[in-house]
């Protein structure tokens, strides 16, 4: 806003406050010289843009890995700290649909789930625009340098610095996303260069085709370590069948078993040829039941059983409206204390349904900014 009014002194004041309050390490790295560049030739405003770009990339990677759809990614709804803010028409995915739009006012799909990384980068480019004046001027803002609404031409080195910083968004986003997805698939210790293309993406493609419940599917993978070792002995084939059947049952595409037969065959082939061999290489040949249990337990710490889906929120609201004074408090306990737990305490026993299939009335439920 200040930049749109050519008030670059206020832009500098806001940037300086952000550095002092939230990124003091930037000032420390410059030995308290507010204008000087660091060893890489960047002044503190370039470093600020770099920090914000990195934090935003990490945040968006976590959104995508956990199936979070924000819905209103306007520039004023983005945080320079890489925090999720402005919880309006947000949603967690039910079915895995990359193009899912959680905001019914977003008729063009600008903020669809799979558009979120692109929009985040676009927003960073908007932020880079006012900061460019500070980067270009070596840290000294002068409103007088803007005459007739035109800024001074950016130096080539300024353009290069900003371009290099923004280009890092995609790199940092991908690194964080792949690392999270590796952990969600039980690949904690080893990295293979083609994990995303060979293991992660083919699984997501299967989920997309069947419109399978995303949170459920990732949680279901926690049974995979036992299939690797055939624990109990000679049970791998049957366990794999059970796992694939459970994924098909949580599909919004298949109306009967016959509809899913081809998909199940593809899923079994994926597990047998891609995922289970990769998980076996991760776990080693001699782990046995103990290692399978340990790996499964670790996977459950990164694959929640419960998330705040729209239909869950609506159900809680209706309970509260009917006079259940504990409904909201119990939901808070469920989602903050027991989201990753298999078993719930007795007072939350009725909340087990929130890990179950999406009711028909709740499929694809959308909200608006005024919800």
Protein backbone atom coordinates (compact mmCIF):
# COMPACT_ATOMS: atom_id res chain seq x y z
CA UNK A 1 0.00 0.00 0.00
CA UNK A 2 2.69 2.59 0.84
CA UNK A 3 4.52 1.73 -2.39
CA UNK A 4 1.37 2.33 -4.41
CA UNK A 5 1.48 5.87 -3.01
CA UNK A 6 5.21 6.18 -3.74
CA UNK A 7 5.90 6.41 0.01
CA UNK A 8 9.12 4.44 0.03
CA UNK A 9 10.26 5.95 3.31
CA UNK A 10 7.32 4.20 4.95
CA UNK A 11 8.20 1.01 3.06
CA UNK A 12 11.68 1.27 4.58
CA UNK A 13 10.26 1.90 8.05
CA UNK A 14 8.08 -1.22 7.79
CA UNK A 15 10.95 -3.31 6.42
CA UNK A 16 13.31 -2.13 9.18
CA UNK A 17 10.70 -2.95 11.84
CA UNK A 18 10.20 -6.44 10.38
CA UNK A 19 13.94 -7.10 10.44
CA UNK A 20 14.38 -5.82 14.01
CA UNK A 21 11.31 -7.60 15.36
CA UNK A 22 11.29 -10.86 13.46
CA UNK A 23 14.60 -11.38 11.64
CA UNK A 24 17.28 -9.94 13.95
CA UNK A 25 19.81 -12.38 12.52
CA UNK A 26 19.85 -10.24 9.36
CA UNK A 27 21.09 -7.20 11.24
CA UNK A 28 23.57 -9.31 13.18
CA UNK A 29 25.03 -10.73 9.98
CA UNK A 30 25.74 -7.19 8.78
CA UNK A 31 27.58 -6.19 11.95
CA UNK A 32 24.90 -3.60 12.75
CA UNK A 33 25.58 -1.73 9.52
CA UNK A 34 22.09 -0.95 8.22
CA UNK A 35 23.19 -0.30 4.66
CA UNK A 36 26.17 -2.57 4.01
CA UNK A 37 25.97 -5.79 2.06
CA UNK A 38 26.77 -9.23 3.39
CA UNK A 39 29.47 -11.51 2.01
CA UNK A 40 27.23 -12.38 -0.93
CA UNK A 41 26.74 -8.75 -1.83
CA UNK A 42 23.16 -8.51 -0.61
CA UNK A 43 21.95 -5.64 1.54
CA UNK A 44 19.54 -6.31 4.38
CA UNK A 45 16.43 -5.75 2.24
CA UNK A 46 17.53 -8.38 -0.24
CA UNK A 47 18.19 -10.67 2.70
CA UNK A 48 14.72 -9.93 4.04
CA UNK A 49 13.15 -10.87 0.72
CA UNK A 50 15.22 -14.06 0.71
CA UNK A 51 14.02 -14.97 4.22
CA UNK A 52 10.38 -14.33 3.39
CA UNK A 53 10.68 -16.34 0.17
CA UNK A 54 12.17 -19.27 2.05
CA UNK A 55 9.56 -19.21 4.83
CA UNK A 56 6.74 -18.97 2.30
CA UNK A 57 8.11 -21.92 0.32
CA UNK A 58 8.23 -24.05 3.47
CA UNK A 59 4.68 -23.09 4.44
CA UNK A 60 3.24 -23.87 1.01
CA UNK A 61 5.05 -27.22 0.88
CA UNK A 62 3.40 -28.16 4.18
CA UNK A 63 -0.01 -27.08 2.90
CA UNK A 64 0.35 -29.30 -0.16
CA UNK A 65 1.70 -32.28 1.77
CA UNK A 66 -1.14 -32.23 4.30
CA UNK A 67 -3.93 -31.39 1.87
CA UNK A 68 -4.65 -27.89 3.16
CA UNK A 69 -6.50 -25.50 0.86
CA UNK A 70 -6.43 -21.84 1.95
CA UNK A 71 -8.99 -20.36 -0.42
CA UNK A 72 -8.16 -16.64 -0.26
CA UNK A 73 -4.48 -16.13 -1.04
CA UNK A 74 -4.73 -12.40 -1.65
CA UNK A 75 -1.46 -10.60 -0.96
CA UNK A 76 -2.89 -9.10 2.23
CA UNK A 77 -3.62 -12.61 3.52
CA UNK A 78 0.03 -13.68 3.32
CA UNK A 79 2.44 -13.42 6.23
CA UNK A 80 6.05 -12.22 5.98
CA UNK A 81 6.77 -14.82 8.67
CA UNK A 82 5.59 -17.77 6.61
CA UNK A 83 2.58 -18.32 8.88
CA UNK A 84 -0.88 -19.43 7.80
CA UNK A 85 -3.25 -16.53 8.50
CA UNK A 86 -6.78 -15.49 7.54
CA UNK A 87 -8.68 -18.70 8.15
CA UNK A 88 -11.72 -17.97 6.01
CA UNK A 89 -13.09 -20.53 3.55
CA UNK A 90 -10.18 -22.93 4.13
CA UNK A 91 -10.55 -26.70 3.91
CA UNK A 92 -8.61 -29.92 4.15
CA UNK A 93 -9.03 -32.18 1.15
CA UNK A 94 -11.52 -35.00 1.46
CA UNK A 95 -11.06 -36.72 -1.88
CA UNK A 96 -7.66 -36.14 -3.43
CA UNK A 97 -8.60 -33.67 -6.17
CA UNK A 98 -5.68 -31.38 -7.13
CA UNK A 99 -8.06 -28.88 -8.69
CA UNK A 100 -10.32 -28.68 -5.63
CA UNK A 101 -11.69 -25.19 -4.92
CA UNK A 102 -12.67 -24.66 -1.28
CA UNK A 103 -14.04 -21.12 -1.73
CA UNK A 104 -17.35 -21.15 -3.61
CA UNK A 105 -16.76 -17.49 -4.53
CA UNK A 106 -13.63 -18.49 -6.47
CA UNK A 107 -15.41 -19.35 -9.70
CA UNK A 108 -12.22 -19.26 -11.80
CA UNK A 109 -10.24 -21.56 -9.51
CA UNK A 110 -7.51 -18.97 -8.98
CA UNK A 111 -6.86 -20.34 -5.51
CA UNK A 112 -7.50 -24.02 -6.21
CA UNK A 113 -5.41 -26.49 -4.22
CA UNK A 114 -2.92 -27.17 -7.00
CA UNK A 115 -2.58 -23.45 -7.80
CA UNK A 116 -1.32 -22.52 -4.34
CA UNK A 117 2.44 -22.75 -5.07
CA UNK A 118 2.04 -20.59 -8.18
CA UNK A 119 -0.04 -17.99 -6.37
CA UNK A 120 2.45 -17.85 -3.50
CA UNK A 121 5.25 -17.07 -5.94
CA UNK A 122 3.11 -14.43 -7.64
CA UNK A 123 2.51 -12.81 -4.23
CA UNK A 124 6.24 -12.83 -3.52
CA UNK A 125 6.82 -11.06 -6.82
CA UNK A 126 4.38 -8.37 -5.68
CA UNK A 127 6.32 -8.01 -2.43
CA UNK A 128 9.59 -7.80 -4.32
CA UNK A 129 8.29 -4.80 -6.23
CA UNK A 130 8.45 -2.24 -3.34
CA UNK A 131 11.51 -3.88 -1.78
CA UNK A 132 13.30 -3.49 -5.11
CA UNK A 133 13.62 0.25 -4.47
CA UNK A 134 15.42 -0.42 -1.18
CA UNK A 135 17.60 -3.10 -2.71
CA UNK A 136 18.37 -0.87 -5.68
CA UNK A 137 19.26 2.13 -3.53
CA UNK A 138 21.60 0.26 -1.26
CA UNK A 139 19.09 0.57 1.57
CA UNK A 140 18.40 4.29 1.43
CA UNK A 141 14.82 5.16 0.46
CA UNK A 142 14.05 8.57 -0.96
CA UNK A 143 10.57 9.47 -2.04
CA UNK A 144 12.09 12.24 -4.07
CA UNK A 145 13.59 9.65 -6.41
CA UNK A 146 10.08 8.83 -7.60
CA UNK A 147 8.82 11.56 -9.85
CA UNK A 148 5.55 11.59 -11.72
CA UNK A 149 4.76 8.10 -10.44
CA UNK A 150 7.86 6.62 -12.09
CA UNK A 151 10.60 4.90 -10.13
CA UNK A 152 14.27 5.00 -10.88
CA UNK A 153 15.31 2.27 -13.27
CA UNK A 154 16.58 -0.79 -11.46
CA UNK A 155 20.27 -1.59 -11.76
CA UNK A 156 21.10 -4.84 -13.57
CA UNK A 157 22.60 -6.25 -10.37
CA UNK A 158 19.36 -5.48 -8.51
CA UNK A 159 17.30 -7.31 -11.13
CA UNK A 160 19.67 -10.27 -10.93
CA UNK A 161 19.55 -10.37 -7.13
CA UNK A 162 15.75 -10.34 -7.03
CA UNK A 163 15.46 -12.86 -9.83
CA UNK A 164 17.89 -15.22 -8.09
CA UNK A 165 15.94 -14.94 -4.83
CA UNK A 166 12.56 -15.61 -6.40
CA UNK A 167 13.96 -18.50 -8.42
CA UNK A 168 14.85 -20.17 -5.13
CA UNK A 169 11.17 -20.45 -4.20
CA UNK A 170 10.59 -23.43 -6.48
CA UNK A 171 13.77 -25.15 -5.33
CA UNK A 172 13.01 -24.69 -1.63
CA UNK A 173 9.36 -25.63 -2.07
CA UNK A 174 10.22 -28.86 -3.88
CA UNK A 175 12.91 -29.85 -1.37
CA UNK A 176 10.58 -29.40 1.60
CA UNK A 177 7.62 -31.06 -0.10
CA UNK A 178 9.63 -34.11 -1.12
CA UNK A 179 11.11 -34.43 2.38
CA UNK A 180 7.68 -34.32 4.02
CA UNK A 181 6.22 -36.80 1.55
CA UNK A 182 9.16 -39.14 2.08
CA UNK A 183 8.44 -39.14 5.81
CA UNK A 184 4.73 -39.67 5.23
CA UNK A 185 5.62 -42.74 3.14
CA UNK A 186 8.04 -44.05 5.78
CA UNK A 187 11.24 -43.04 4.02
CA UNK A 188 12.99 -41.42 6.98
CA UNK A 189 16.64 -42.36 6.58
CA UNK A 190 17.38 -42.67 2.87
CA UNK A 191 16.86 -40.44 -0.14
CA UNK A 192 16.71 -41.51 -3.75
CA UNK A 193 16.72 -38.89 -6.47
CA UNK A 194 13.60 -40.21 -8.19
CA UNK A 195 11.44 -40.63 -5.08
CA UNK A 196 9.02 -37.92 -6.17
CA UNK A 197 8.54 -39.23 -9.71
CA UNK A 198 8.78 -42.96 -8.99
CA UNK A 199 7.04 -43.30 -5.63
CA UNK A 200 5.15 -40.21 -4.49
CA UNK A 201 3.52 -38.98 -7.70
CA UNK A 202 2.28 -42.39 -8.92
CA UNK A 203 0.51 -42.87 -5.58
CA UNK A 204 -1.09 -39.44 -5.83
CA UNK A 205 -2.16 -40.26 -9.39
CA UNK A 206 -3.94 -43.37 -8.12
CA UNK A 207 -5.71 -41.33 -5.44
CA UNK A 208 -6.74 -38.70 -7.96
CA UNK A 209 -8.19 -41.27 -10.35
CA UNK A 210 -10.30 -42.85 -7.60
CA UNK A 211 -10.94 -39.60 -5.70
CA UNK A 212 -9.76 -41.40 -2.60
CA UNK A 213 -9.82 -39.74 0.81
CA UNK A 214 -6.37 -38.13 1.06
CA UNK A 215 -5.90 -38.06 4.85
CA UNK A 216 -7.21 -41.62 5.15
CA UNK A 217 -4.97 -42.87 2.34
CA UNK A 218 -1.80 -41.45 3.89
CA UNK A 219 -2.73 -42.89 7.27
CA UNK A 220 -3.47 -46.27 5.66
CA UNK A 221 0.12 -46.42 4.37
CA UNK A 222 1.23 -46.83 7.98
CA UNK A 223 0.34 -50.53 7.57
CA UNK A 224 2.81 -50.92 4.71
CA UNK A 225 5.90 -51.75 6.86
CA UNK A 226 4.17 -54.93 8.05
CA UNK A 227 3.55 -55.94 4.44
CA UNK A 228 7.25 -55.56 3.65
CA UNK A 229 8.22 -58.10 6.30
CA UNK A 230 5.16 -60.31 6.04
CA UNK A 231 4.36 -59.78 9.67
CA UNK A 232 2.73 -62.09 10.70
CA UNK A 233 4.65 -64.54 8.45
CA UNK A 234 3.25 -65.33 5.00
CA UNK A 235 0.62 -62.61 5.27
CA UNK A 236 1.98 -60.00 2.85
CA UNK A 237 -0.31 -60.78 -0.08
CA UNK A 238 -3.45 -60.74 2.05
CA UNK A 239 -2.38 -57.56 3.88
CA UNK A 240 -1.77 -55.79 0.58
CA UNK A 241 -5.23 -56.82 -0.61
CA UNK A 242 -6.78 -55.43 2.56
CA UNK A 243 -4.88 -52.15 2.19
CA UNK A 244 -5.89 -51.67 -1.45
CA UNK A 245 -9.50 -52.63 -0.68
CA UNK A 246 -9.61 -50.00 2.07
CA UNK A 247 -8.39 -47.32 -0.35
CA UNK A 248 -11.02 -48.30 -2.91
CA UNK A 249 -13.74 -48.22 -0.26
CA UNK A 250 -12.85 -44.60 0.54
CA UNK A 251 -13.22 -43.58 -3.11
CA UNK A 252 -15.86 -41.14 -4.30
CA UNK A 253 -15.60 -42.54 -7.84
CA UNK A 254 -16.45 -46.21 -7.42
CA UNK A 255 -20.07 -47.09 -6.67
CA UNK A 256 -19.51 -50.86 -6.53
CA UNK A 257 -16.70 -53.42 -6.39
CA UNK A 258 -16.85 -54.02 -10.14
CA UNK A 259 -16.09 -50.36 -10.82
CA UNK A 260 -12.84 -50.58 -8.86
CA UNK A 261 -11.41 -53.85 -10.17
CA UNK A 262 -9.10 -52.29 -12.76
CA UNK A 263 -8.01 -49.60 -10.32
CA UNK A 264 -7.22 -52.19 -7.65
CA UNK A 265 -5.05 -54.08 -10.12
CA UNK A 266 -3.14 -50.89 -10.92
CA UNK A 267 -2.78 -50.11 -7.22
CA UNK A 268 -1.43 -53.56 -6.41
CA UNK A 269 1.05 -53.25 -9.27
CA UNK A 270 2.18 -49.87 -7.91
CA UNK A 271 2.72 -51.29 -4.43
CA UNK A 272 4.50 -54.41 -5.64
CA UNK A 273 6.76 -52.73 -8.21
CA UNK A 274 7.37 -49.26 -6.77
CA UNK A 275 6.42 -48.45 -3.20
CA UNK A 276 7.06 -51.68 -1.30
CA UNK A 277 10.48 -52.29 -2.93
CA UNK A 278 11.45 -48.70 -2.08
CA UNK A 279 10.23 -49.09 1.50
CA UNK A 280 12.12 -52.38 1.73
CA UNK A 281 15.34 -50.66 0.66
CA UNK A 282 14.70 -48.07 3.36
CA UNK A 283 14.09 -50.63 6.11
CA UNK A 284 16.69 -53.21 5.15
CA UNK A 285 16.37 -56.94 4.76
CA UNK A 286 16.50 -58.09 8.38
CA UNK A 287 14.31 -55.68 10.32
CA UNK A 288 11.45 -58.00 11.13
CA UNK A 289 8.34 -57.19 13.11
CA UNK A 290 10.10 -54.87 15.56
CA UNK A 291 11.36 -52.54 12.83
CA UNK A 292 8.00 -52.69 11.06
CA UNK A 293 6.29 -51.59 14.27
CA UNK A 294 8.82 -48.81 14.81
CA UNK A 295 8.48 -47.51 11.23
CA UNK A 296 4.69 -47.66 11.36
CA UNK A 297 4.67 -45.73 14.64
CA UNK A 298 6.92 -43.03 13.16
CA UNK A 299 4.72 -42.77 10.09
CA UNK A 300 1.70 -42.19 12.31
CA UNK A 301 3.41 -39.14 13.81
CA UNK A 302 3.36 -37.42 10.42
CA UNK A 303 0.09 -38.80 9.03
CA UNK A 304 -2.83 -37.50 11.12
CA UNK A 305 -5.93 -39.60 11.59
CA UNK A 306 -8.09 -36.55 12.22
CA UNK A 307 -8.10 -33.15 10.50
CA UNK A 308 -10.62 -30.31 10.59
CA UNK A 309 -12.57 -31.15 7.46
CA UNK A 310 -15.48 -28.91 6.50
CA UNK A 311 -18.07 -31.55 7.28
CA UNK A 312 -16.48 -32.15 10.68
CA UNK A 313 -16.62 -28.42 11.46
CA UNK A 314 -20.28 -28.29 10.37
CA UNK A 315 -21.16 -31.27 12.54
CA UNK A 316 -19.51 -29.65 15.56
CA UNK A 317 -21.33 -26.38 14.89
CA UNK A 318 -24.68 -28.17 14.76
CA UNK A 319 -23.96 -29.97 18.03
CA UNK A 320 -23.11 -26.66 19.69
CA UNK A 321 -26.26 -25.03 18.31
CA UNK A 322 -28.32 -27.84 19.83
CA UNK A 323 -26.89 -27.05 23.26
CA UNK A 324 -23.92 -29.41 23.55
CA UNK A 325 -21.63 -27.17 25.58
CA UNK A 326 -18.69 -29.56 25.31
CA UNK A 327 -18.79 -29.98 21.52
CA UNK A 328 -16.23 -27.28 20.69
CA UNK A 329 -13.92 -28.09 23.61
CA UNK A 330 -13.95 -31.78 22.71
CA UNK A 331 -13.16 -30.94 19.09
CA UNK A 332 -10.22 -28.82 20.23
CA UNK A 333 -8.93 -31.72 22.32
CA UNK A 334 -9.34 -34.13 19.41
CA UNK A 335 -7.46 -31.96 16.93
CA UNK A 336 -4.71 -30.64 19.22
CA UNK A 337 -4.03 -33.64 21.47
CA UNK A 338 -5.21 -36.77 19.70
CA UNK A 339 -5.09 -36.05 15.95
CA UNK A 340 -2.36 -38.66 15.44
CA UNK A 341 -3.66 -41.28 17.88
CA UNK A 342 -5.29 -44.60 17.00
CA UNK A 343 -7.28 -44.74 20.23
CA UNK A 344 -9.29 -41.97 21.79
CA UNK A 345 -10.14 -41.46 25.46
CA UNK A 346 -13.65 -42.47 26.48
CA UNK A 347 -14.97 -38.91 26.51
CA UNK A 348 -14.04 -38.55 22.82
CA UNK A 349 -15.28 -41.97 21.71
CA UNK A 350 -18.03 -40.47 19.53
CA UNK A 351 -15.41 -38.49 17.57
CA UNK A 352 -14.11 -41.69 15.98
CA UNK A 353 -16.60 -41.02 13.18
CA UNK A 354 -14.49 -38.04 12.08
CA UNK A 355 -11.89 -40.49 10.74
CA UNK A 356 -14.61 -42.33 8.83
CA UNK A 357 -16.03 -41.84 5.35
CA UNK A 358 -17.26 -38.41 4.33
CA UNK A 359 -21.07 -38.34 4.59
CA UNK A 360 -22.89 -37.66 1.35
CA UNK A 361 -24.04 -34.23 2.54
CA UNK A 362 -20.43 -33.26 3.29
CA UNK A 363 -18.76 -34.23 0.00
CA UNK A 364 -17.05 -31.25 -1.63
CA UNK A 365 -18.47 -28.85 0.95
CA UNK A 366 -17.41 -25.28 0.19
CA UNK A 367 -17.45 -22.13 2.30
CA UNK A 368 -17.14 -18.45 1.49
CA UNK A 369 -15.17 -15.59 2.99
CA UNK A 370 -18.18 -14.76 5.17
CA UNK A 371 -18.68 -18.33 6.44
